[in-house]
């Protein structure tokens, strides 16, 4: 008897799918407005770092304007006015570099 009372739906109560649908909709909206644009931005930044070559002018996240003197797998050797520094590839800011040194259009 107790089991049959627990399984009987109460008036106005709908099934589990209609309760799950709003949560699913929130997750989809969150993905398209928060996660997907961030993934695209990271992919674009990774492609930008991959196409940099020796002699390109860059701006680091610390604000240094420099020219790439050497490239290795994980870092750049950057040439400043006063000498050279070693910087991680992630320290090159794509947004600042594009603003300060736009690529010429072919």
N, C-alpha and C. Protein backbone atom coordinates (compact mmCIF):
# COMPACT_ATOMS: atom_id res chain seq x y z
N UNK A 1 0.83 -1.18 0.00
CA UNK A 1 0.00 0.00 0.00
C UNK A 1 0.88 1.26 0.00
N UNK A 2 1.90 1.28 0.82
CA UNK A 2 2.80 2.42 0.88
C UNK A 2 3.52 2.60 -0.45
N UNK A 3 3.93 1.50 -1.07
CA UNK A 3 4.61 1.55 -2.36
C UNK A 3 3.70 2.12 -3.44
N UNK A 4 2.43 1.76 -3.42
CA UNK A 4 1.51 2.29 -4.43
C UNK A 4 1.27 3.78 -4.23
N UNK A 5 1.32 4.27 -3.00
CA UNK A 5 1.15 5.70 -2.74
C UNK A 5 2.35 6.49 -3.25
N UNK A 6 3.55 5.92 -3.11
CA UNK A 6 4.75 6.61 -3.56
C UNK A 6 4.83 6.68 -5.08
N UNK A 7 4.30 5.70 -5.77
CA UNK A 7 4.36 5.65 -7.23
C UNK A 7 3.24 6.43 -7.89
N UNK A 8 2.20 6.76 -7.17
CA UNK A 8 1.07 7.47 -7.73
C UNK A 8 1.43 8.95 -7.88
N UNK A 9 1.31 9.51 -9.11
CA UNK A 9 1.65 10.92 -9.28
C UNK A 9 0.63 11.82 -8.59
N UNK A 10 1.11 12.88 -8.02
CA UNK A 10 0.27 13.88 -7.37
C UNK A 10 -0.32 14.77 -8.47
N UNK A 11 -1.50 15.28 -8.26
CA UNK A 11 -2.13 16.15 -9.25
C UNK A 11 -1.26 17.37 -9.50
N UNK A 12 -1.00 17.69 -10.77
CA UNK A 12 -0.19 18.83 -11.14
C UNK A 12 1.28 18.49 -11.27
N UNK A 13 1.69 17.28 -10.86
CA UNK A 13 3.09 16.88 -10.97
C UNK A 13 3.27 16.19 -12.32
N UNK A 14 4.29 16.61 -13.06
CA UNK A 14 4.53 16.02 -14.36
C UNK A 14 5.67 15.04 -14.29
N UNK A 15 5.99 14.42 -15.40
CA UNK A 15 7.02 13.40 -15.45
C UNK A 15 8.42 13.97 -15.28
N UNK A 16 9.40 13.09 -15.22
CA UNK A 16 10.78 13.48 -14.98
C UNK A 16 11.41 14.23 -16.14
N UNK A 17 10.95 13.97 -17.37
CA UNK A 17 11.54 14.62 -18.54
C UNK A 17 11.29 16.12 -18.54
N UNK A 18 10.12 16.53 -18.13
CA UNK A 18 9.81 17.96 -18.13
C UNK A 18 10.59 18.69 -17.03
N UNK A 19 11.03 17.98 -16.00
CA UNK A 19 11.87 18.59 -14.98
C UNK A 19 13.32 18.66 -15.44
N UNK A 20 13.72 17.73 -16.27
CA UNK A 20 15.09 17.67 -16.76
C UNK A 20 15.31 18.63 -17.92
N UNK A 21 14.29 18.94 -18.69
CA UNK A 21 14.40 19.78 -19.87
C UNK A 21 14.92 21.20 -19.58
N UNK A 22 14.44 21.91 -18.57
CA UNK A 22 15.00 23.24 -18.30
C UNK A 22 16.48 23.20 -17.93
N UNK A 23 16.89 22.18 -17.17
CA UNK A 23 18.30 22.06 -16.81
C UNK A 23 19.14 21.79 -18.05
N UNK A 24 18.65 20.97 -18.95
CA UNK A 24 19.35 20.68 -20.20
C UNK A 24 19.46 21.95 -21.04
N UNK A 25 18.40 22.71 -21.11
CA UNK A 25 18.40 23.96 -21.86
C UNK A 25 19.42 24.96 -21.28
N UNK A 26 19.50 25.04 -19.97
CA UNK A 26 20.47 25.93 -19.32
C UNK A 26 21.89 25.50 -19.67
N UNK A 27 22.15 24.19 -19.66
CA UNK A 27 23.49 23.70 -19.99
C UNK A 27 23.85 24.00 -21.45
N UNK A 28 22.90 23.86 -22.36
CA UNK A 28 23.15 24.14 -23.77
C UNK A 28 23.44 25.63 -23.97
N UNK A 29 22.66 26.49 -23.36
CA UNK A 29 22.87 27.93 -23.46
C UNK A 29 24.23 28.31 -22.86
N UNK A 30 24.57 27.73 -21.72
CA UNK A 30 25.86 27.98 -21.08
C UNK A 30 27.00 27.59 -22.01
N UNK A 31 26.86 26.44 -22.66
CA UNK A 31 27.90 25.98 -23.57
C UNK A 31 28.08 26.95 -24.73
N UNK A 32 26.99 27.37 -25.36
CA UNK A 32 27.10 28.23 -26.54
C UNK A 32 27.52 29.66 -26.23
N UNK A 33 27.26 30.15 -25.03
CA UNK A 33 27.63 31.52 -24.70
C UNK A 33 28.92 31.64 -23.90
N UNK A 34 29.37 30.56 -23.26
CA UNK A 34 30.56 30.65 -22.41
C UNK A 34 31.70 29.75 -22.90
N UNK A 35 31.44 28.50 -23.11
CA UNK A 35 32.51 27.55 -23.38
C UNK A 35 32.93 27.57 -24.84
N UNK A 36 32.00 27.54 -25.77
CA UNK A 36 32.32 27.46 -27.19
C UNK A 36 33.14 28.67 -27.67
N UNK A 37 32.76 29.92 -27.34
CA UNK A 37 33.59 31.05 -27.77
C UNK A 37 35.00 31.00 -27.19
N UNK A 38 35.14 30.53 -25.95
CA UNK A 38 36.46 30.43 -25.34
C UNK A 38 37.31 29.38 -26.06
N UNK A 39 36.70 28.27 -26.46
CA UNK A 39 37.44 27.24 -27.20
C UNK A 39 37.88 27.78 -28.56
N UNK A 40 37.03 28.55 -29.22
CA UNK A 40 37.40 29.14 -30.51
C UNK A 40 38.55 30.12 -30.35
N UNK A 41 38.50 30.92 -29.29
CA UNK A 41 39.56 31.89 -29.04
C UNK A 41 40.89 31.20 -28.77
N UNK A 42 40.87 30.12 -27.99
CA UNK A 42 42.09 29.37 -27.71
C UNK A 42 42.65 28.73 -28.98
N UNK A 43 41.78 28.23 -29.82
CA UNK A 43 42.22 27.61 -31.08
C UNK A 43 42.86 28.65 -31.99
N UNK A 44 42.26 29.85 -32.04
CA UNK A 44 42.80 30.92 -32.86
C UNK A 44 44.16 31.39 -32.33
N UNK A 45 44.30 31.50 -31.01
CA UNK A 45 45.57 31.91 -30.40
C UNK A 45 46.66 30.86 -30.64
N UNK A 46 46.30 29.59 -30.56
CA UNK A 46 47.27 28.52 -30.81
C UNK A 46 47.74 28.56 -32.26
N UNK A 47 46.82 28.79 -33.19
CA UNK A 47 47.19 28.89 -34.60
C UNK A 47 48.09 30.10 -34.84
N UNK A 48 47.80 31.21 -34.16
CA UNK A 48 48.61 32.42 -34.29
C UNK A 48 50.04 32.16 -33.82
N UNK A 49 50.19 31.50 -32.66
CA UNK A 49 51.52 31.21 -32.15
C UNK A 49 52.28 30.26 -33.07
N UNK A 50 51.56 29.35 -33.71
CA UNK A 50 52.21 28.39 -34.60
C UNK A 50 52.73 29.06 -35.87
N UNK A 51 52.10 30.15 -36.31
CA UNK A 51 52.52 30.81 -37.55
C UNK A 51 53.57 31.90 -37.35
N UNK A 52 53.90 32.21 -36.08
CA UNK A 52 54.95 33.20 -35.83
C UNK A 52 56.29 32.66 -36.30
N UNK A 53 57.11 33.56 -36.81
CA UNK A 53 58.42 33.15 -37.32
C UNK A 53 59.47 34.16 -36.87
N UNK A 54 60.71 33.81 -37.09
CA UNK A 54 61.83 34.67 -36.72
C UNK A 54 61.70 36.01 -37.43
N UNK A 55 61.88 37.10 -36.70
CA UNK A 55 61.79 38.44 -37.27
C UNK A 55 60.45 39.12 -37.05
N UNK A 56 59.42 38.37 -36.63
CA UNK A 56 58.11 38.97 -36.36
C UNK A 56 58.17 39.82 -35.09
N UNK A 57 57.44 40.91 -35.10
CA UNK A 57 57.35 41.77 -33.92
C UNK A 57 56.17 41.30 -33.09
N UNK A 58 56.38 41.23 -31.78
CA UNK A 58 55.33 40.77 -30.87
C UNK A 58 55.28 41.67 -29.64
N UNK A 59 54.20 41.52 -28.89
CA UNK A 59 54.03 42.20 -27.60
C UNK A 59 53.72 41.11 -26.58
N UNK A 60 54.46 41.08 -25.48
CA UNK A 60 54.21 40.08 -24.45
C UNK A 60 53.09 40.54 -23.54
N UNK A 61 52.60 39.62 -22.73
CA UNK A 61 51.55 39.98 -21.78
C UNK A 61 52.06 40.94 -20.72
N UNK A 62 53.38 40.99 -20.55
CA UNK A 62 53.98 41.94 -19.61
C UNK A 62 54.17 43.33 -20.21
N UNK A 63 53.91 43.46 -21.51
CA UNK A 63 53.99 44.76 -22.16
C UNK A 63 55.27 45.02 -22.92
N UNK A 64 56.16 44.03 -23.03
CA UNK A 64 57.40 44.22 -23.78
C UNK A 64 57.15 44.12 -25.27
N UNK A 65 57.63 45.11 -26.01
CA UNK A 65 57.59 45.07 -27.47
C UNK A 65 58.94 44.53 -27.92
N UNK A 66 58.91 43.46 -28.70
CA UNK A 66 60.17 42.82 -29.07
C UNK A 66 60.05 42.17 -30.44
N UNK A 67 61.20 41.73 -30.94
CA UNK A 67 61.27 41.01 -32.21
C UNK A 67 61.75 39.60 -31.89
N UNK A 68 61.16 38.61 -32.54
CA UNK A 68 61.54 37.23 -32.30
C UNK A 68 62.90 36.97 -32.92
N UNK A 69 63.85 36.51 -32.08
CA UNK A 69 65.20 36.21 -32.55
C UNK A 69 65.38 34.71 -32.77
N UNK A 70 64.69 33.90 -31.98
CA UNK A 70 64.83 32.46 -32.08
C UNK A 70 63.55 31.80 -31.54
N UNK A 71 63.19 30.64 -32.11
CA UNK A 71 62.00 29.92 -31.67
C UNK A 71 62.39 28.49 -31.31
N UNK A 72 61.91 28.04 -30.14
CA UNK A 72 62.05 26.64 -29.75
C UNK A 72 60.66 26.07 -29.54
N UNK A 73 60.59 24.83 -29.04
CA UNK A 73 59.29 24.20 -28.85
C UNK A 73 58.42 24.91 -27.82
N UNK A 74 59.03 25.39 -26.75
CA UNK A 74 58.23 25.95 -25.65
C UNK A 74 58.42 27.44 -25.41
N UNK A 75 59.42 28.05 -26.02
CA UNK A 75 59.64 29.47 -25.74
C UNK A 75 60.24 30.19 -26.95
N UNK A 76 60.26 31.51 -26.81
CA UNK A 76 60.87 32.40 -27.79
C UNK A 76 62.08 33.07 -27.16
N UNK A 77 63.08 33.37 -27.95
CA UNK A 77 64.13 34.30 -27.54
C UNK A 77 63.74 35.61 -28.21
N UNK A 78 63.45 36.62 -27.38
CA UNK A 78 62.98 37.90 -27.89
C UNK A 78 64.10 38.93 -27.82
N UNK A 79 64.20 39.72 -28.85
CA UNK A 79 65.23 40.76 -28.93
C UNK A 79 64.61 42.10 -28.58
N UNK A 80 65.11 42.70 -27.51
CA UNK A 80 64.68 44.03 -27.09
C UNK A 80 65.75 45.03 -27.47
N UNK A 81 65.53 46.31 -27.18
CA UNK A 81 66.54 47.33 -27.46
C UNK A 81 67.80 47.10 -26.62
N UNK A 82 67.63 46.65 -25.40
CA UNK A 82 68.73 46.49 -24.46
C UNK A 82 69.38 45.11 -24.49
N UNK A 83 68.82 44.16 -25.18
CA UNK A 83 69.37 42.81 -25.19
C UNK A 83 68.32 41.79 -25.56
N UNK A 84 68.54 40.56 -25.11
CA UNK A 84 67.62 39.47 -25.42
C UNK A 84 67.05 38.89 -24.14
N UNK A 85 65.80 38.40 -24.23
CA UNK A 85 65.17 37.72 -23.12
C UNK A 85 64.55 36.43 -23.63
N UNK A 86 64.34 35.50 -22.71
CA UNK A 86 63.69 34.23 -23.01
C UNK A 86 62.28 34.31 -22.46
N UNK A 87 61.27 34.04 -23.30
CA UNK A 87 59.88 34.13 -22.87
C UNK A 87 59.10 32.90 -23.33
N UNK A 88 58.18 32.47 -22.49
CA UNK A 88 57.30 31.35 -22.86
C UNK A 88 56.42 31.77 -24.03
N UNK A 89 56.03 30.80 -24.85
CA UNK A 89 55.17 31.12 -25.98
C UNK A 89 53.83 31.68 -25.53
N UNK A 90 53.34 31.21 -24.39
CA UNK A 90 52.06 31.70 -23.88
C UNK A 90 52.12 33.16 -23.44
N UNK A 91 53.31 33.71 -23.29
CA UNK A 91 53.45 35.09 -22.85
C UNK A 91 53.25 36.09 -23.99
N UNK A 92 53.16 35.62 -25.23
CA UNK A 92 52.93 36.51 -26.36
C UNK A 92 51.43 36.74 -26.47
N UNK A 93 51.04 38.00 -26.43
CA UNK A 93 49.63 38.36 -26.49
C UNK A 93 49.20 38.59 -27.93
N UNK A 94 48.31 37.74 -28.41
CA UNK A 94 47.84 37.85 -29.78
C UNK A 94 47.10 39.17 -30.00
N UNK A 95 46.25 39.55 -29.05
CA UNK A 95 45.44 40.76 -29.21
C UNK A 95 46.31 42.01 -29.27
N UNK A 96 47.28 42.11 -28.38
CA UNK A 96 48.15 43.29 -28.36
C UNK A 96 49.06 43.34 -29.58
N UNK A 97 49.55 42.17 -30.00
CA UNK A 97 50.44 42.14 -31.16
C UNK A 97 49.69 42.59 -32.41
N UNK A 98 48.47 42.11 -32.57
CA UNK A 98 47.69 42.47 -33.76
C UNK A 98 47.37 43.96 -33.76
N UNK A 99 47.20 44.56 -32.58
CA UNK A 99 46.91 45.99 -32.50
C UNK A 99 48.16 46.82 -32.79
N UNK A 100 49.32 46.37 -32.25
CA UNK A 100 50.54 47.15 -32.39
C UNK A 100 51.24 46.89 -33.73
N UNK A 101 51.18 45.65 -34.20
CA UNK A 101 51.88 45.27 -35.42
C UNK A 101 50.95 44.47 -36.33
N UNK A 102 50.00 45.12 -36.97
CA UNK A 102 49.08 44.36 -37.83
C UNK A 102 49.83 43.72 -39.00
N UNK A 103 49.41 42.51 -39.36
CA UNK A 103 50.04 41.81 -40.50
C UNK A 103 49.63 42.50 -41.79
N UNK A 104 50.58 42.69 -42.72
CA UNK A 104 50.20 43.28 -44.01
C UNK A 104 49.32 42.33 -44.81
N UNK A 105 48.35 42.90 -45.48
CA UNK A 105 47.43 42.08 -46.28
C UNK A 105 48.08 41.75 -47.62
N UNK A 106 47.96 40.51 -48.01
CA UNK A 106 48.59 40.07 -49.26
C UNK A 106 47.76 40.42 -50.46
